[in-house]
């Protein structure tokens, strides 16, 4: 039961941090009064095949690198119990 509580707590903290980040960004934008450029990207993994998309080439490359790192981390965490 402690694991479930920790997972729910991490989810709540993550949502809070995202909301706080959006609020800080909105307040900074109002203070500066200027235009800002927003970039976004993402990865969809269908099995071992990544589908990468982004608003610019730089963001797409960054997203692909992050996806590779997170996939490697997930594989490591899944295989750790097998190594014991």
N, C-alpha and C. Protein backbone atom coordinates (compact mmCIF):
# COMPACT_ATOMS: atom_id res chain seq x y z
N UNK A 1 0.82 -1.20 0.00
CA UNK A 1 0.00 0.00 0.00
C UNK A 1 0.86 1.26 0.00
N UNK A 2 2.08 1.18 0.57
CA UNK A 2 2.95 2.34 0.60
C UNK A 2 3.39 2.74 -0.80
N UNK A 3 3.56 1.76 -1.67
CA UNK A 3 3.98 2.04 -3.05
C UNK A 3 2.89 2.80 -3.79
N UNK A 4 1.64 2.43 -3.57
CA UNK A 4 0.52 3.13 -4.19
C UNK A 4 0.44 4.57 -3.69
N UNK A 5 0.65 4.76 -2.41
CA UNK A 5 0.63 6.10 -1.84
C UNK A 5 1.75 6.95 -2.42
N UNK A 6 2.93 6.37 -2.56
CA UNK A 6 4.06 7.11 -3.14
C UNK A 6 3.79 7.47 -4.59
N UNK A 7 3.20 6.55 -5.34
CA UNK A 7 2.89 6.82 -6.75
C UNK A 7 1.88 7.95 -6.88
N UNK A 8 0.84 7.91 -6.08
CA UNK A 8 -0.17 8.97 -6.12
C UNK A 8 0.42 10.32 -5.71
N UNK A 9 1.29 10.29 -4.72
CA UNK A 9 1.94 11.53 -4.28
C UNK A 9 2.81 12.11 -5.39
N UNK A 10 3.55 11.26 -6.10
CA UNK A 10 4.38 11.74 -7.21
C UNK A 10 3.53 12.32 -8.33
N UNK A 11 2.40 11.71 -8.61
CA UNK A 11 1.51 12.23 -9.65
C UNK A 11 0.98 13.60 -9.25
N UNK A 12 0.56 13.74 -8.01
CA UNK A 12 0.02 15.02 -7.54
C UNK A 12 1.10 16.10 -7.56
N UNK A 13 2.31 15.77 -7.13
CA UNK A 13 3.41 16.73 -7.15
C UNK A 13 3.74 17.13 -8.59
N UNK A 14 3.73 16.17 -9.52
CA UNK A 14 4.00 16.46 -10.93
C UNK A 14 2.98 17.40 -11.53
N UNK A 15 1.71 17.17 -11.25
CA UNK A 15 0.66 18.04 -11.77
C UNK A 15 0.80 19.44 -11.17
N UNK A 16 1.11 19.51 -9.89
CA UNK A 16 1.31 20.81 -9.24
C UNK A 16 2.48 21.56 -9.87
N UNK A 17 3.59 20.88 -10.12
CA UNK A 17 4.75 21.54 -10.73
C UNK A 17 4.45 22.02 -12.14
N UNK A 18 3.68 21.25 -12.91
CA UNK A 18 3.31 21.69 -14.26
C UNK A 18 2.44 22.94 -14.20
N UNK A 19 1.48 22.96 -13.28
CA UNK A 19 0.61 24.13 -13.15
C UNK A 19 1.42 25.35 -12.71
N UNK A 20 2.34 25.15 -11.78
CA UNK A 20 3.18 26.24 -11.31
C UNK A 20 4.07 26.77 -12.44
N UNK A 21 4.60 25.89 -13.25
CA UNK A 21 5.43 26.30 -14.38
C UNK A 21 4.64 27.13 -15.38
N UNK A 22 3.41 26.71 -15.67
CA UNK A 22 2.58 27.48 -16.60
C UNK A 22 2.26 28.86 -16.04
N UNK A 23 2.01 28.93 -14.74
CA UNK A 23 1.70 30.21 -14.11
C UNK A 23 2.91 31.15 -14.16
N UNK A 24 4.09 30.64 -13.84
CA UNK A 24 5.30 31.46 -13.88
C UNK A 24 5.57 31.95 -15.29
N UNK A 25 5.41 31.08 -16.28
CA UNK A 25 5.63 31.47 -17.68
C UNK A 25 4.65 32.56 -18.10
N UNK A 26 3.39 32.43 -17.71
CA UNK A 26 2.39 33.44 -18.07
C UNK A 26 2.71 34.78 -17.41
N UNK A 27 3.14 34.75 -16.16
CA UNK A 27 3.47 36.00 -15.47
C UNK A 27 4.70 36.67 -16.08
N UNK A 28 5.70 35.90 -16.46
CA UNK A 28 6.89 36.47 -17.11
C UNK A 28 6.53 37.09 -18.44
N UNK A 29 5.67 36.45 -19.18
CA UNK A 29 5.27 36.96 -20.50
C UNK A 29 4.55 38.30 -20.35
N UNK A 30 3.72 38.44 -19.32
CA UNK A 30 3.02 39.71 -19.11
C UNK A 30 4.00 40.82 -18.72
N UNK A 31 5.01 40.49 -17.90
CA UNK A 31 5.99 41.49 -17.48
C UNK A 31 6.83 41.97 -18.66
N UNK A 32 7.26 41.04 -19.51
CA UNK A 32 8.11 41.40 -20.64
C UNK A 32 7.31 42.13 -21.72
N UNK A 33 6.08 41.77 -21.89
CA UNK A 33 5.22 42.42 -22.86
C UNK A 33 5.59 42.16 -24.30
N UNK A 34 6.53 41.28 -24.54
CA UNK A 34 6.97 41.00 -25.91
C UNK A 34 6.46 39.66 -26.40
N UNK A 35 6.77 39.42 -27.64
CA UNK A 35 6.41 38.14 -28.24
C UNK A 35 7.41 37.08 -27.80
N UNK A 36 6.93 35.87 -27.67
CA UNK A 36 7.83 34.77 -27.36
C UNK A 36 7.54 33.62 -28.32
N UNK A 37 8.57 32.85 -28.61
CA UNK A 37 8.43 31.75 -29.54
C UNK A 37 8.23 30.46 -28.75
N UNK A 38 7.20 29.73 -29.07
CA UNK A 38 6.91 28.47 -28.40
C UNK A 38 7.22 27.33 -29.34
N UNK A 39 7.93 26.34 -28.84
CA UNK A 39 8.24 25.16 -29.62
C UNK A 39 7.76 23.93 -28.86
N UNK A 40 7.34 22.92 -29.61
CA UNK A 40 6.84 21.70 -28.98
C UNK A 40 7.25 20.50 -29.81
N UNK A 41 7.28 19.36 -29.16
CA UNK A 41 7.63 18.13 -29.85
C UNK A 41 7.16 16.94 -29.04
N UNK A 42 7.21 15.79 -29.66
CA UNK A 42 6.79 14.59 -28.96
C UNK A 42 7.25 13.34 -29.67
N UNK A 43 7.07 12.22 -28.98
CA UNK A 43 7.45 10.92 -29.52
C UNK A 43 6.33 9.94 -29.23
N UNK A 44 5.97 9.15 -30.24
CA UNK A 44 5.03 8.06 -30.06
C UNK A 44 5.81 6.78 -30.33
N UNK A 45 5.87 5.89 -29.34
CA UNK A 45 6.57 4.63 -29.52
C UNK A 45 5.55 3.54 -29.84
N UNK A 46 5.66 2.97 -31.02
CA UNK A 46 4.83 1.83 -31.40
C UNK A 46 5.77 0.64 -31.47
N UNK A 47 5.82 -0.11 -30.37
CA UNK A 47 6.81 -1.17 -30.27
C UNK A 47 8.18 -0.54 -30.22
N UNK A 48 9.11 -1.01 -31.03
CA UNK A 48 10.44 -0.42 -31.03
C UNK A 48 10.60 0.75 -32.01
N UNK A 49 9.52 1.11 -32.70
CA UNK A 49 9.60 2.14 -33.74
C UNK A 49 9.16 3.49 -33.17
N UNK A 50 10.08 4.46 -33.10
CA UNK A 50 9.68 5.79 -32.62
C UNK A 50 9.17 6.67 -33.76
N UNK A 51 8.08 7.36 -33.50
CA UNK A 51 7.57 8.37 -34.44
C UNK A 51 7.79 9.71 -33.75
N UNK A 52 8.69 10.51 -34.30
CA UNK A 52 9.10 11.77 -33.68
C UNK A 52 8.48 12.92 -34.45
N UNK A 53 7.95 13.90 -33.72
CA UNK A 53 7.42 15.10 -34.36
C UNK A 53 7.80 16.32 -33.53
N UNK A 54 7.87 17.45 -34.20
CA UNK A 54 8.22 18.68 -33.51
C UNK A 54 7.99 19.87 -34.42
N UNK A 55 7.96 21.04 -33.80
CA UNK A 55 7.73 22.27 -34.57
C UNK A 55 8.99 22.75 -35.26
N UNK A 56 10.14 22.21 -34.86
CA UNK A 56 11.40 22.57 -35.52
C UNK A 56 12.32 21.35 -35.51
N UNK A 57 13.33 21.39 -36.34
CA UNK A 57 14.29 20.28 -36.43
C UNK A 57 15.02 20.10 -35.10
N UNK A 58 15.36 21.20 -34.45
CA UNK A 58 16.08 21.14 -33.18
C UNK A 58 15.26 20.45 -32.09
N UNK A 59 14.00 20.79 -32.01
CA UNK A 59 13.13 20.18 -31.00
C UNK A 59 12.91 18.70 -31.30
N UNK A 60 12.75 18.35 -32.57
CA UNK A 60 12.57 16.95 -32.94
C UNK A 60 13.80 16.12 -32.56
N UNK A 61 14.99 16.66 -32.78
CA UNK A 61 16.22 15.94 -32.40
C UNK A 61 16.33 15.81 -30.89
N UNK A 62 16.01 16.86 -30.17
CA UNK A 62 16.05 16.82 -28.71
C UNK A 62 15.06 15.79 -28.17
N UNK A 63 13.87 15.76 -28.75
CA UNK A 63 12.84 14.82 -28.33
C UNK A 63 13.28 13.38 -28.59
N UNK A 64 13.92 13.14 -29.73
CA UNK A 64 14.40 11.80 -30.05
C UNK A 64 15.49 11.37 -29.07
N UNK A 65 16.40 12.27 -28.73
CA UNK A 65 17.46 11.94 -27.77
C UNK A 65 16.86 11.62 -26.41
N UNK A 66 15.88 12.41 -25.97
CA UNK A 66 15.23 12.14 -24.69
C UNK A 66 14.49 10.80 -24.71
N UNK A 67 13.86 10.48 -25.83
CA UNK A 67 13.16 9.20 -25.94
C UNK A 67 14.13 8.03 -25.85
N UNK A 68 15.28 8.15 -26.50
CA UNK A 68 16.29 7.09 -26.44
C UNK A 68 16.80 6.92 -25.01
N UNK A 69 17.07 8.02 -24.33
CA UNK A 69 17.54 7.94 -22.95
C UNK A 69 16.50 7.34 -22.02
N UNK A 70 15.24 7.74 -22.18
CA UNK A 70 14.19 7.20 -21.32
C UNK A 70 13.93 5.73 -21.61
N UNK A 71 14.04 5.31 -22.87
CA UNK A 71 13.88 3.90 -23.21
C UNK A 71 15.00 3.08 -22.60
N UNK A 72 16.23 3.58 -22.67
CA UNK A 72 17.36 2.88 -22.06
C UNK A 72 17.18 2.78 -20.55
N UNK A 73 16.71 3.84 -19.92
CA UNK A 73 16.47 3.82 -18.48
C UNK A 73 15.38 2.82 -18.12
N UNK A 74 14.31 2.77 -18.90
CA UNK A 74 13.24 1.81 -18.65
C UNK A 74 13.74 0.38 -18.79
N UNK A 75 14.53 0.11 -19.82
CA UNK A 75 15.09 -1.24 -19.99
C UNK A 75 15.99 -1.61 -18.82
N UNK A 76 16.79 -0.66 -18.36
CA UNK A 76 17.65 -0.92 -17.22
C UNK A 76 16.84 -1.24 -15.97
N UNK A 77 15.81 -0.45 -15.72
CA UNK A 77 14.98 -0.68 -14.53
C UNK A 77 14.21 -1.99 -14.61
N UNK A 78 13.80 -2.40 -15.81
CA UNK A 78 13.10 -3.67 -15.96
C UNK A 78 14.03 -4.86 -15.78
N UNK A 79 15.30 -4.71 -16.15
CA UNK A 79 16.23 -5.84 -16.06
C UNK A 79 16.95 -5.92 -14.72
N UNK A 80 16.90 -4.89 -13.91
CA UNK A 80 17.57 -4.94 -12.60
C UNK A 80 17.09 -6.10 -11.73
N UNK A 81 15.78 -6.36 -11.62
CA UNK A 81 15.36 -7.51 -10.80
C UNK A 81 15.87 -8.85 -11.34
N UNK A 82 16.07 -8.96 -12.62
CA UNK A 82 16.56 -10.21 -13.20
C UNK A 82 18.03 -10.45 -12.89
N UNK A 83 18.77 -9.39 -12.62
CA UNK A 83 20.20 -9.52 -12.35
C UNK A 83 20.51 -9.93 -10.92
N UNK A 84 19.52 -9.89 -10.06
CA UNK A 84 19.75 -10.23 -8.64
C UNK A 84 19.76 -11.71 -8.42
